[in-house]
Amino acid sequence: MATGKRKLKTSIAEKVTVIRAVEKGDKKTVEIAEQFGIPTSTLSTFLKEKEKILKLYSEKSCGHQKRMRECEYPVIEQCILKRFVQARDRNVPIEGKLLQKLYVFWSSDEMEEIVERDA
């Protein structure tokens, strides 16, 4: 069995904390990396993606999220979330398969034709 360091994923809130520590300017980046237990190359990546990380943190305030993924169709995602919340408020059980079908339908060419026709 191979022995080596296990990669730990850092949440967005932790990344923001690291970025703010660097911005303070009290310590060198090497010392900050050691303090947070991350490699200096990872710290450099955080600094390179600083604006993206801070924007995501401020917009969604989702500090627990580990990955910075953007959806392909943000409007459709919000519609599906709204539909899901409405169903849950009415105590209607809703499956993941149904949400997947809605996503596929709303992102299809048929839906675009319906929207264009009704507009």
C-alpha atoms as a PDB file:
ATOM      1  CA  MET A   1       0.000   0.000   0.000  1.00  0.00           C
ATOM      2  CA  ALA A   2       1.366   3.398  -0.920  1.00  0.00           C
ATOM      3  CA  THR A   3       2.070   5.823   1.837  1.00  0.00           C
ATOM      4  CA  GLY A   4       1.923   9.520   1.256  1.00  0.00           C
ATOM      5  CA  LYS A   5       0.123  12.659   2.181  1.00  0.00           C
ATOM      6  CA  ARG A   6      -3.591  12.581   1.795  1.00  0.00           C
ATOM      7  CA  LYS A   7      -5.035  15.544  -0.069  1.00  0.00           C
ATOM      8  CA  LEU A   8      -7.444  17.496   2.064  1.00  0.00           C
ATOM      9  CA  LYS A   9     -10.011  19.681   0.433  1.00  0.00           C
ATOM     10  CA  THR A  10     -10.202  23.215   1.742  1.00  0.00           C
ATOM     11  CA  SER A  11     -13.571  24.902   2.048  1.00  0.00           C
ATOM     12  CA  ILE A  12     -14.189  28.292   0.498  1.00  0.00           C
ATOM     13  CA  ALA A  13     -14.433  29.896   3.948  1.00  0.00           C
ATOM     14  CA  GLU A  14     -10.998  28.521   4.819  1.00  0.00           C
ATOM     15  CA  LYS A  15      -9.608  29.813   1.522  1.00  0.00           C
ATOM     16  CA  VAL A  16     -10.968  33.274   2.319  1.00  0.00           C
ATOM     17  CA  THR A  17      -9.338  33.114   5.760  1.00  0.00           C
ATOM     18  CA  VAL A  18      -5.985  32.247   4.155  1.00  0.00           C
ATOM     19  CA  ILE A  19      -6.332  35.047   1.588  1.00  0.00           C
ATOM     20  CA  ARG A  20      -7.141  37.594   4.308  1.00  0.00           C
ATOM     21  CA  ALA A  21      -4.130  36.439   6.338  1.00  0.00           C
ATOM     22  CA  VAL A  22      -1.894  37.077   3.325  1.00  0.00           C
ATOM     23  CA  GLU A  23      -3.504  40.474   2.710  1.00  0.00           C
ATOM     24  CA  LYS A  24      -2.724  41.520   6.287  1.00  0.00           C
ATOM     25  CA  GLY A  25       0.947  41.352   5.408  1.00  0.00           C
ATOM     26  CA  ASP A  26       2.126  40.432   8.934  1.00  0.00           C
ATOM     27  CA  LYS A  27       3.824  37.197   7.851  1.00  0.00           C
ATOM     28  CA  LYS A  28       5.498  35.769   4.803  1.00  0.00           C
ATOM     29  CA  THR A  29       3.480  33.496   2.565  1.00  0.00           C
ATOM     30  CA  VAL A  30       5.642  30.518   3.567  1.00  0.00           C
ATOM     31  CA  GLU A  31       4.793  31.081   7.233  1.00  0.00           C
ATOM     32  CA  ILE A  32       1.093  31.426   6.456  1.00  0.00           C
ATOM     33  CA  ALA A  33       1.148  28.201   4.445  1.00  0.00           C
ATOM     34  CA  GLU A  34       2.768  26.404   7.388  1.00  0.00           C
ATOM     35  CA  GLN A  35       0.269  27.946   9.803  1.00  0.00           C
ATOM     36  CA  PHE A  36      -2.695  26.605   7.817  1.00  0.00           C
ATOM     37  CA  GLY A  37      -0.977  23.321   6.954  1.00  0.00           C
ATOM     38  CA  ILE A  38      -1.090  23.750   3.183  1.00  0.00           C
ATOM     39  CA  PRO A  39       1.687  23.646   0.592  1.00  0.00           C
ATOM     40  CA  THR A  40       2.988  26.970  -0.705  1.00  0.00           C
ATOM     41  CA  SER A  41       1.872  26.033  -4.215  1.00  0.00           C
ATOM     42  CA  THR A  42      -1.700  25.667  -2.944  1.00  0.00           C
ATOM     43  CA  LEU A  43      -1.450  29.074  -1.310  1.00  0.00           C
ATOM     44  CA  SER A  44      -0.251  30.506  -4.616  1.00  0.00           C
ATOM     45  CA  THR A  45      -3.266  28.957  -6.341  1.00  0.00           C
ATOM     46  CA  PHE A  46      -5.589  30.566  -3.768  1.00  0.00           C
ATOM     47  CA  LEU A  47      -3.982  33.940  -4.429  1.00  0.00           C
ATOM     48  CA  LYS A  48      -4.179  33.461  -8.191  1.00  0.00           C
ATOM     49  CA  GLU A  49      -7.914  32.698  -7.926  1.00  0.00           C
ATOM     50  CA  LYS A  50      -8.485  35.297  -5.198  1.00  0.00           C
ATOM     51  CA  GLU A  51     -11.163  37.307  -6.950  1.00  0.00           C
ATOM     52  CA  LYS A  52     -13.100  34.228  -7.997  1.00  0.00           C
ATOM     53  CA  ILE A  53     -12.998  32.829  -4.443  1.00  0.00           C
ATOM     54  CA  LEU A  54     -14.023  36.120  -2.804  1.00  0.00           C
ATOM     55  CA  LYS A  55     -16.821  36.654  -5.328  1.00  0.00           C
ATOM     56  CA  LEU A  56     -18.218  33.172  -4.752  1.00  0.00           C
ATOM     57  CA  TYR A  57     -17.956  33.584  -0.980  1.00  0.00           C
ATOM     58  CA  SER A  58     -19.739  36.948  -0.980  1.00  0.00           C
ATOM     59  CA  GLU A  59     -22.478  35.965  -3.456  1.00  0.00           C
ATOM     60  CA  LYS A  60     -23.489  32.621  -2.093  1.00  0.00           C
ATOM     61  CA  SER A  61     -22.115  32.848   1.445  1.00  0.00           C
ATOM     62  CA  CYS A  62     -21.531  29.122   1.274  1.00  0.00           C
ATOM     63  CA  GLY A  63     -18.450  28.660   3.371  1.00  0.00           C
ATOM     64  CA  HIS A  64     -18.895  24.911   3.666  1.00  0.00           C
ATOM     65  CA  GLN A  65     -18.701  24.358  -0.093  1.00  0.00           C
ATOM     66  CA  LYS A  66     -15.397  22.811  -1.170  1.00  0.00           C
ATOM     67  CA  ARG A  67     -15.467  23.133  -4.956  1.00  0.00           C
ATOM     68  CA  MET A  68     -16.074  26.185  -7.088  1.00  0.00           C
ATOM     69  CA  ARG A  69     -18.404  24.873  -9.723  1.00  0.00           C
ATOM     70  CA  GLU A  70     -20.566  27.061 -11.881  1.00  0.00           C
ATOM     71  CA  CYS A  71     -23.720  25.738 -13.430  1.00  0.00           C
ATOM     72  CA  GLU A  72     -24.274  25.758 -17.157  1.00  0.00           C
ATOM     73  CA  TYR A  73     -27.810  27.155 -16.934  1.00  0.00           C
ATOM     74  CA  PRO A  74     -28.161  29.297 -13.774  1.00  0.00           C
ATOM     75  CA  VAL A  75     -31.732  30.393 -14.564  1.00  0.00           C
ATOM     76  CA  ILE A  76     -32.867  26.788 -14.938  1.00  0.00           C
ATOM     77  CA  GLU A  77     -31.122  25.843 -11.679  1.00  0.00           C
ATOM     78  CA  GLN A  78     -33.016  28.592  -9.845  1.00  0.00           C
ATOM     79  CA  CYS A  79     -36.325  27.471 -11.374  1.00  0.00           C
ATOM     80  CA  ILE A  80     -35.719  23.888 -10.308  1.00  0.00           C
ATOM     81  CA  LEU A  81     -34.747  24.992  -6.809  1.00  0.00           C
ATOM     82  CA  LYS A  82     -37.920  27.088  -6.594  1.00  0.00           C
ATOM     83  CA  ARG A  83     -40.029  24.121  -7.751  1.00  0.00           C
ATOM     84  CA  PHE A  84     -38.287  21.872  -5.197  1.00  0.00           C
ATOM     85  CA  VAL A  85     -38.897  24.311  -2.321  1.00  0.00           C
ATOM     86  CA  GLN A  86     -42.569  24.683  -3.307  1.00  0.00           C
ATOM     87  CA  ALA A  87     -43.017  20.911  -3.309  1.00  0.00           C
ATOM     88  CA  ARG A  88     -41.288  20.544   0.055  1.00  0.00           C
ATOM     89  CA  ASP A  89     -43.469  23.314   1.556  1.00  0.00           C
ATOM     90  CA  ARG A  90     -46.547  21.314   0.544  1.00  0.00           C
ATOM     91  CA  ASN A  91     -45.018  18.073   1.921  1.00  0.00           C
ATOM     92  CA  VAL A  92     -45.022  16.563  -1.557  1.00  0.00           C
ATOM     93  CA  PRO A  93     -42.271  13.971  -1.954  1.00  0.00           C
ATOM     94  CA  ILE A  94     -39.991  14.751  -4.853  1.00  0.00           C
ATOM     95  CA  GLU A  95     -37.330  12.484  -6.343  1.00  0.00           C
ATOM     96  CA  GLY A  96     -33.974  13.335  -7.806  1.00  0.00           C
ATOM     97  CA  LYS A  97     -34.989  11.615 -11.057  1.00  0.00           C
ATOM     98  CA  LEU A  98     -37.855  14.058 -11.481  1.00  0.00           C
ATOM     99  CA  LEU A  99     -35.556  17.032 -10.932  1.00  0.00           C
ATOM    100  CA  GLN A 100     -33.124  15.582 -13.477  1.00  0.00           C
ATOM    101  CA  LYS A 101     -35.923  15.213 -16.036  1.00  0.00           C
ATOM    102  CA  LEU A 102     -37.027  18.803 -15.438  1.00  0.00           C
ATOM    103  CA  TYR A 103     -33.456  19.996 -15.926  1.00  0.00           C
ATOM    104  CA  VAL A 104     -33.070  18.057 -19.168  1.00  0.00           C
ATOM    105  CA  PHE A 105     -36.435  19.294 -20.473  1.00  0.00           C
ATOM    106  CA  TRP A 106     -35.859  22.934 -19.537  1.00  0.00           C
ATOM    107  CA  SER A 107     -32.384  22.940 -21.070  1.00  0.00           C
ATOM    108  CA  SER A 108     -33.530  21.296 -24.296  1.00  0.00           C
ATOM    109  CA  ASP A 109     -34.195  22.919 -27.645  1.00  0.00           C
ATOM    110  CA  GLU A 110     -37.918  22.203 -27.262  1.00  0.00           C
ATOM    111  CA  MET A 111     -38.118  24.480 -24.244  1.00  0.00           C
ATOM    112  CA  GLU A 112     -36.289  27.256 -26.109  1.00  0.00           C
ATOM    113  CA  GLU A 113     -38.828  26.965 -28.941  1.00  0.00           C
ATOM    114  CA  ILE A 114     -41.726  27.180 -26.460  1.00  0.00           C
ATOM    115  CA  VAL A 115     -40.250  30.286 -24.815  1.00  0.00           C
ATOM    116  CA  GLU A 116     -39.629  31.949 -28.202  1.00  0.00           C
ATOM    117  CA  ARG A 117     -43.117  31.071 -29.384  1.00  0.00           C
ATOM    118  CA  ASP A 118     -44.788  32.483 -26.237  1.00  0.00           C
ATOM    119  CA  ALA A 119     -42.676  35.650 -26.183  1.00  0.00           C
END
